[in-house]
Amino acid sequence: ASTVLLPYRFSDEVNKVLVFTEDEQ
């Protein structure tokens, strides 16, 4: 499986992304 950033977006939908960090900044 792979993820690719297309040169031209075709949908306003965005994926939900979780970020792991313990730094408040």
PDB file of all heavy atoms in Angstrom:
ATOM      1  N   ALA A   1       0.864  -1.178   0.000  1.00  0.00           N
ATOM      2  CA  ALA A   1       0.000   0.000   0.000  1.00  0.00           C
ATOM      3  C   ALA A   1       0.894   1.219   0.000  1.00  0.00           C
ATOM      4  O   ALA A   1       2.021   1.184   0.491  1.00  0.00           O
ATOM      5  CB  ALA A   1      -0.917   0.001   1.220  1.00  0.00           C
ATOM      6  N   SER A   2       0.404   2.304  -0.553  1.00  0.00           N
ATOM      7  CA  SER A   2       1.211   3.515  -0.614  1.00  0.00           C
ATOM      8  C   SER A   2       0.298   4.739  -0.597  1.00  0.00           C
ATOM      9  O   SER A   2      -0.906   4.640  -0.867  1.00  0.00           O
ATOM     10  CB  SER A   2       2.074   3.524  -1.883  1.00  0.00           C
ATOM     11  OG  SER A   2       2.901   4.679  -1.936  1.00  0.00           O
ATOM     12  N   THR A   3       0.888   5.864  -0.272  1.00  0.00           N
ATOM     13  CA  THR A   3       0.181   7.144  -0.292  1.00  0.00           C
ATOM     14  C   THR A   3       0.956   8.093  -1.185  1.00  0.00           C
ATOM     15  O   THR A   3       2.186   8.173  -1.097  1.00  0.00           O
ATOM     16  CB  THR A   3       0.064   7.735   1.127  1.00  0.00           C
ATOM     17  OG1 THR A   3      -0.594   6.794   1.977  1.00  0.00           O
ATOM     18  CG2 THR A   3      -0.730   9.035   1.109  1.00  0.00           C
ATOM     19  N   VAL A   4       0.259   8.786  -2.057  1.00  0.00           N
ATOM     20  CA  VAL A   4       0.906   9.688  -2.995  1.00  0.00           C
ATOM     21  C   VAL A   4       0.174  11.023  -3.002  1.00  0.00           C
ATOM     22  O   VAL A   4      -1.057  11.076  -2.893  1.00  0.00           O
ATOM     23  CB  VAL A   4       0.938   9.065  -4.417  1.00  0.00           C
ATOM     24  CG1 VAL A   4      -0.465   8.804  -4.938  1.00  0.00           C
ATOM     25  CG2 VAL A   4       1.725   9.925  -5.381  1.00  0.00           C
ATOM     26  N   LEU A   5       0.932  12.095  -3.095  1.00  0.00           N
ATOM     27  CA  LEU A   5       0.360  13.444  -3.161  1.00  0.00           C
ATOM     28  C   LEU A   5       0.215  13.815  -4.632  1.00  0.00           C
ATOM     29  O   LEU A   5       1.206  13.946  -5.348  1.00  0.00           O
ATOM     30  CB  LEU A   5       1.267  14.438  -2.437  1.00  0.00           C
ATOM     31  CG  LEU A   5       0.647  15.781  -2.028  1.00  0.00           C
ATOM     32  CD1 LEU A   5      -0.534  15.582  -1.088  1.00  0.00           C
ATOM     33  CD2 LEU A   5       1.691  16.675  -1.375  1.00  0.00           C
ATOM     34  N   LEU A   6      -1.009  13.956  -5.095  1.00  0.00           N
ATOM     35  CA  LEU A   6      -1.263  14.234  -6.509  1.00  0.00           C
ATOM     36  C   LEU A   6      -1.016  15.700  -6.830  1.00  0.00           C
ATOM     37  O   LEU A   6      -1.236  16.578  -5.982  1.00  0.00           O
ATOM     38  CB  LEU A   6      -2.711  13.878  -6.862  1.00  0.00           C
ATOM     39  CG  LEU A   6      -3.106  12.406  -6.667  1.00  0.00           C
ATOM     40  CD1 LEU A   6      -4.585  12.214  -6.977  1.00  0.00           C
ATOM     41  CD2 LEU A   6      -2.258  11.507  -7.546  1.00  0.00           C
ATOM     42  N   PRO A   7      -0.601  16.003  -8.057  1.00  0.00           N
ATOM     43  CA  PRO A   7      -0.371  17.405  -8.429  1.00  0.00           C
ATOM     44  C   PRO A   7      -1.658  18.232  -8.478  1.00  0.00           C
ATOM     45  O   PRO A   7      -1.626  19.446  -8.287  1.00  0.00           O
ATOM     46  CB  PRO A   7       0.277  17.307  -9.817  1.00  0.00           C
ATOM     47  CG  PRO A   7      -0.090  15.957 -10.333  1.00  0.00           C
ATOM     48  CD  PRO A   7      -0.204  15.075  -9.126  1.00  0.00           C
ATOM     49  N   TYR A   8      -2.798  17.566  -8.720  1.00  0.00           N
ATOM     50  CA  TYR A   8      -4.075  18.276  -8.816  1.00  0.00           C
ATOM     51  C   TYR A   8      -5.117  17.584  -7.939  1.00  0.00           C
ATOM     52  O   TYR A   8      -5.494  16.442  -8.203  1.00  0.00           O
ATOM     53  CB  TYR A   8      -4.562  18.336 -10.264  1.00  0.00           C
ATOM     54  CG  TYR A   8      -3.595  19.046 -11.182  1.00  0.00           C
ATOM     55  CD1 TYR A   8      -2.729  18.317 -11.992  1.00  0.00           C
ATOM     56  CD2 TYR A   8      -3.511  20.438 -11.203  1.00  0.00           C
ATOM     57  CE1 TYR A   8      -1.816  18.965 -12.821  1.00  0.00           C
ATOM     58  CE2 TYR A   8      -2.607  21.092 -12.022  1.00  0.00           C
ATOM     59  CZ  TYR A   8      -1.763  20.349 -12.828  1.00  0.00           C
ATOM     60  OH  TYR A   8      -0.855  20.994 -13.640  1.00  0.00           O
ATOM     61  N   ARG A   9      -5.569  18.269  -6.911  1.00  0.00           N
ATOM     62  CA  ARG A   9      -6.572  17.698  -6.013  1.00  0.00           C
ATOM     63  C   ARG A   9      -7.915  17.630  -6.732  1.00  0.00           C
ATOM     64  O   ARG A   9      -8.255  18.487  -7.539  1.00  0.00           O
ATOM     65  CB  ARG A   9      -6.706  18.539  -4.746  1.00  0.00           C
ATOM     66  CG  ARG A   9      -5.451  18.546  -3.880  1.00  0.00           C
ATOM     67  CD  ARG A   9      -5.795  18.952  -2.465  1.00  0.00           C
ATOM     68  NE  ARG A   9      -6.649  17.952  -1.834  1.00  0.00           N
ATOM     69  CZ  ARG A   9      -7.431  18.226  -0.780  1.00  0.00           C
ATOM     70  NH1 ARG A   9      -7.484  19.451  -0.275  1.00  0.00           N
ATOM     71  NH2 ARG A   9      -8.163  17.262  -0.252  1.00  0.00           N
ATOM     72  N   PHE A  10      -8.699  16.596  -6.415  1.00  0.00           N
ATOM     73  CA  PHE A  10      -9.990  16.435  -7.062  1.00  0.00           C
ATOM     74  C   PHE A  10     -11.130  16.284  -6.063  1.00  0.00           C
ATOM     75  O   PHE A  10     -12.269  16.023  -6.439  1.00  0.00           O
ATOM     76  CB  PHE A  10      -9.971  15.230  -8.007  1.00  0.00           C
ATOM     77  CG  PHE A  10      -9.675  13.913  -7.354  1.00  0.00           C
ATOM     78  CD1 PHE A  10     -10.688  13.141  -6.802  1.00  0.00           C
ATOM     79  CD2 PHE A  10      -8.376  13.436  -7.283  1.00  0.00           C
ATOM     80  CE1 PHE A  10     -10.419  11.932  -6.194  1.00  0.00           C
ATOM     81  CE2 PHE A  10      -8.092  12.213  -6.691  1.00  0.00           C
ATOM     82  CZ  PHE A  10      -9.119  11.456  -6.143  1.00  0.00           C
ATOM     83  N   SER A  11     -10.829  16.448  -4.776  1.00  0.00           N
ATOM     84  CA  SER A  11     -11.854  16.318  -3.751  1.00  0.00           C
ATOM     85  C   SER A  11     -11.521  17.241  -2.589  1.00  0.00           C
ATOM     86  O   SER A  11     -10.343  17.492  -2.292  1.00  0.00           O
ATOM     87  CB  SER A  11     -11.944  14.868  -3.269  1.00  0.00           C
ATOM     88  OG  SER A  11     -12.822  14.759  -2.171  1.00  0.00           O
ATOM     89  N   ASP A  12     -12.559  17.750  -1.944  1.00  0.00           N
ATOM     90  CA  ASP A  12     -12.364  18.586  -0.754  1.00  0.00           C
ATOM     91  C   ASP A  12     -12.199  17.740   0.501  1.00  0.00           C
ATOM     92  O   ASP A  12     -11.913  18.275   1.574  1.00  0.00           O
ATOM     93  CB  ASP A  12     -13.560  19.531  -0.585  1.00  0.00           C
ATOM     94  CG  ASP A  12     -13.637  20.566  -1.704  1.00  0.00           C
ATOM     95  OD1 ASP A  12     -12.574  20.934  -2.233  1.00  0.00           O
ATOM     96  OD2 ASP A  12     -14.759  20.989  -2.042  1.00  0.00           O
ATOM     97  N   GLU A  13     -12.376  16.440   0.371  1.00  0.00           N
ATOM     98  CA  GLU A  13     -12.226  15.555   1.516  1.00  0.00           C
ATOM     99  C   GLU A  13     -10.762  15.520   1.971  1.00  0.00           C
ATOM    100  O   GLU A  13      -9.847  15.555   1.157  1.00  0.00           O
ATOM    101  CB  GLU A  13     -12.660  14.134   1.152  1.00  0.00           C
ATOM    102  CG  GLU A  13     -14.109  14.006   0.725  1.00  0.00           C
ATOM    103  CD  GLU A  13     -14.435  12.612   0.236  1.00  0.00           C
ATOM    104  OE1 GLU A  13     -13.552  11.716   0.344  1.00  0.00           O
ATOM    105  OE2 GLU A  13     -15.548  12.405  -0.253  1.00  0.00           O
ATOM    106  N   VAL A  14     -10.564  15.458   3.272  1.00  0.00           N
ATOM    107  CA  VAL A  14      -9.213  15.302   3.816  1.00  0.00           C
ATOM    108  C   VAL A  14      -9.206  14.102   4.751  1.00  0.00           C
ATOM    109  O   VAL A  14     -10.221  13.764   5.372  1.00  0.00           O
ATOM    110  CB  VAL A  14      -8.728  16.565   4.566  1.00  0.00           C
ATOM    111  CG1 VAL A  14      -8.524  17.719   3.604  1.00  0.00           C
ATOM    112  CG2 VAL A  14      -9.699  16.945   5.677  1.00  0.00           C
ATOM    113  N   ASN A  15      -8.057  13.447   4.840  1.00  0.00           N
ATOM    114  CA  ASN A  15      -7.904  12.304   5.729  1.00  0.00           C
ATOM    115  C   ASN A  15      -7.695  12.770   7.171  1.00  0.00           C
ATOM    116  O   ASN A  15      -7.149  13.850   7.414  1.00  0.00           O
ATOM    117  CB  ASN A  15      -6.700  11.464   5.291  1.00  0.00           C
ATOM    118  CG  ASN A  15      -6.838  10.954   3.875  1.00  0.00           C
ATOM    119  OD1 ASN A  15      -7.870  10.393   3.507  1.00  0.00           O
ATOM    120  ND2 ASN A  15      -5.808  11.139   3.070  1.00  0.00           N
ATOM    121  N   LYS A  16      -8.111  11.939   8.112  1.00  0.00           N
ATOM    122  CA  LYS A  16      -7.902  12.233   9.529  1.00  0.00           C
ATOM    123  C   LYS A  16      -6.530  11.710   9.942  1.00  0.00           C
ATOM    124  O   LYS A  16      -6.221  10.539   9.750  1.00  0.00           O
ATOM    125  CB  LYS A  16      -9.003  11.574  10.364  1.00  0.00           C
ATOM    126  CG  LYS A  16     -10.391  12.138  10.108  1.00  0.00           C
ATOM    127  CD  LYS A  16     -11.454  11.320  10.812  1.00  0.00           C
ATOM    128  CE  LYS A  16     -11.305  11.369  12.314  1.00  0.00           C
ATOM    129  NZ  LYS A  16     -12.425  10.642  12.998  1.00  0.00           N
ATOM    130  N   VAL A  17      -5.712  12.595  10.499  1.00  0.00           N
ATOM    131  CA  VAL A  17      -4.339  12.235  10.864  1.00  0.00           C
ATOM    132  C   VAL A  17      -4.106  12.475  12.352  1.00  0.00           C
ATOM    133  O   VAL A  17      -4.453  13.531  12.882  1.00  0.00           O
ATOM    134  CB  VAL A  17      -3.310  13.055  10.043  1.00  0.00           C
ATOM    135  CG1 VAL A  17      -1.896  12.588  10.356  1.00  0.00           C
ATOM    136  CG2 VAL A  17      -3.598  12.949   8.554  1.00  0.00           C
ATOM    137  N   LEU A  18      -3.507  11.487  13.004  1.00  0.00           N
ATOM    138  CA  LEU A  18      -3.129  11.609  14.414  1.00  0.00           C
ATOM    139  C   LEU A  18      -1.632  11.883  14.502  1.00  0.00           C
ATOM    140  O   LEU A  18      -0.833  11.264  13.785  1.00  0.00           O
ATOM    141  CB  LEU A  18      -3.481  10.321  15.160  1.00  0.00           C
ATOM    142  CG  LEU A  18      -3.173  10.247  16.650  1.00  0.00           C
ATOM    143  CD1 LEU A  18      -4.174   9.317  17.360  1.00  0.00           C
ATOM    144  CD2 LEU A  18      -1.749   9.750  16.930  1.00  0.00           C
ATOM    145  N   VAL A  19      -1.254  12.801  15.378  1.00  0.00           N
ATOM    146  CA  VAL A  19       0.156  13.152  15.570  1.00  0.00           C
ATOM    147  C   VAL A  19       0.595  12.761  16.979  1.00  0.00           C
ATOM    148  O   VAL A  19      -0.003  13.190  17.965  1.00  0.00           O
ATOM    149  CB  VAL A  19       0.396  14.661  15.352  1.00  0.00           C
ATOM    150  CG1 VAL A  19       1.859  15.013  15.635  1.00  0.00           C
ATOM    151  CG2 VAL A  19       0.019  15.071  13.933  1.00  0.00           C
ATOM    152  N   PHE A  20       1.637  11.937  17.052  1.00  0.00           N
ATOM    153  CA  PHE A  20       2.225  11.558  18.338  1.00  0.00           C
ATOM    154  C   PHE A  20       3.365  12.522  18.674  1.00  0.00           C
ATOM    155  O   PHE A  20       4.364  12.601  17.950  1.00  0.00           O
ATOM    156  CB  PHE A  20       2.800  10.140  18.284  1.00  0.00           C
ATOM    157  CG  PHE A  20       1.773   9.046  18.265  1.00  0.00           C
ATOM    158  CD1 PHE A  20       1.592   8.286  17.126  1.00  0.00           C
ATOM    159  CD2 PHE A  20       1.003   8.773  19.396  1.00  0.00           C
ATOM    160  CE1 PHE A  20       0.660   7.254  17.107  1.00  0.00           C
ATOM    161  CE2 PHE A  20       0.072   7.747  19.385  1.00  0.00           C
ATOM    162  CZ  PHE A  20      -0.100   6.982  18.237  1.00  0.00           C
ATOM    163  N   THR A  21       3.229  13.237  19.783  1.00  0.00           N
ATOM    164  CA  THR A  21       4.307  14.076  20.294  1.00  0.00           C
ATOM    165  C   THR A  21       4.007  14.405  21.754  1.00  0.00           C
ATOM    166  O   THR A  21       2.844  14.478  22.161  1.00  0.00           O
ATOM    167  CB  THR A  21       4.466  15.380  19.496  1.00  0.00           C
ATOM    168  OG1 THR A  21       5.539  16.152  20.074  1.00  0.00           O
ATOM    169  CG2 THR A  21       3.201  16.217  19.508  1.00  0.00           C
ATOM    170  N   GLU A  22       5.062  14.569  22.533  1.00  0.00           N
ATOM    171  CA  GLU A  22       4.897  14.974  23.932  1.00  0.00           C
ATOM    172  C   GLU A  22       5.415  16.394  24.155  1.00  0.00           C
ATOM    173  O   GLU A  22       5.419  16.874  25.288  1.00  0.00           O
ATOM    174  CB  GLU A  22       5.638  13.985  24.851  1.00  0.00           C
ATOM    175  CG  GLU A  22       5.017  12.597  24.849  1.00  0.00           C
ATOM    176  CD  GLU A  22       5.684  11.629  25.794  1.00  0.00           C
ATOM    177  OE1 GLU A  22       6.928  11.550  25.782  1.00  0.00           O
ATOM    178  OE2 GLU A  22       4.957  10.963  26.548  1.00  0.00           O
ATOM    179  N   ASP A  23       5.798  17.039  23.073  1.00  0.00           N
ATOM    180  CA  ASP A  23       6.270  18.420  23.149  1.00  0.00           C
ATOM    181  C   ASP A  23       5.083  19.349  22.894  1.00  0.00           C
ATOM    182  O   ASP A  23       4.445  19.277  21.846  1.00  0.00           O
ATOM    183  CB  ASP A  23       7.366  18.649  22.110  1.00  0.00           C
ATOM    184  CG  ASP A  23       7.946  20.050  22.174  1.00  0.00           C
ATOM    185  OD1 ASP A  23       7.315  20.963  21.613  1.00  0.00           O
ATOM    186  OD2 ASP A  23       9.008  20.230  22.777  1.00  0.00           O
ATOM    187  N   GLU A  24       4.796  20.241  23.828  1.00  0.00           N
ATOM    188  CA  GLU A  24       3.608  21.087  23.710  1.00  0.00           C
ATOM    189  C   GLU A  24       3.692  22.049  22.528  1.00  0.00           C
ATOM    190  O   GLU A  24       2.682  22.341  21.873  1.00  0.00           O
ATOM    191  CB  GLU A  24       3.401  21.886  25.003  1.00  0.00           C
ATOM    192  CG  GLU A  24       2.099  22.683  25.034  1.00  0.00           C
ATOM    193  CD  GLU A  24       0.872  21.836  24.692  1.00  0.00           C
ATOM    194  OE1 GLU A  24       0.776  20.697  25.184  1.00  0.00           O
ATOM    195  OE2 GLU A  24       0.029  22.326  23.912  1.00  0.00           O
ATOM    196  N   GLN A  25       4.891  22.534  22.234  1.00  0.00           N
ATOM    197  CA  GLN A  25       5.051  23.431  21.087  1.00  0.00           C
ATOM    198  C   GLN A  25       4.762  22.677  19.781  1.00  0.00           C
ATOM    199  O   GLN A  25       4.077  23.187  18.891  1.00  0.00           O
ATOM    200  CB  GLN A  25       6.463  24.008  21.059  1.00  0.00           C
ATOM    201  CG  GLN A  25       6.663  25.053  19.959  1.00  0.00           C
ATOM    202  CD  GLN A  25       8.046  25.694  20.030  1.00  0.00           C
ATOM    203  OE1 GLN A  25       8.849  25.382  20.909  1.00  0.00           O
ATOM    204  NE2 GLN A  25       8.317  26.600  19.106  1.00  0.00           N
TER     205      GLN A  25
END
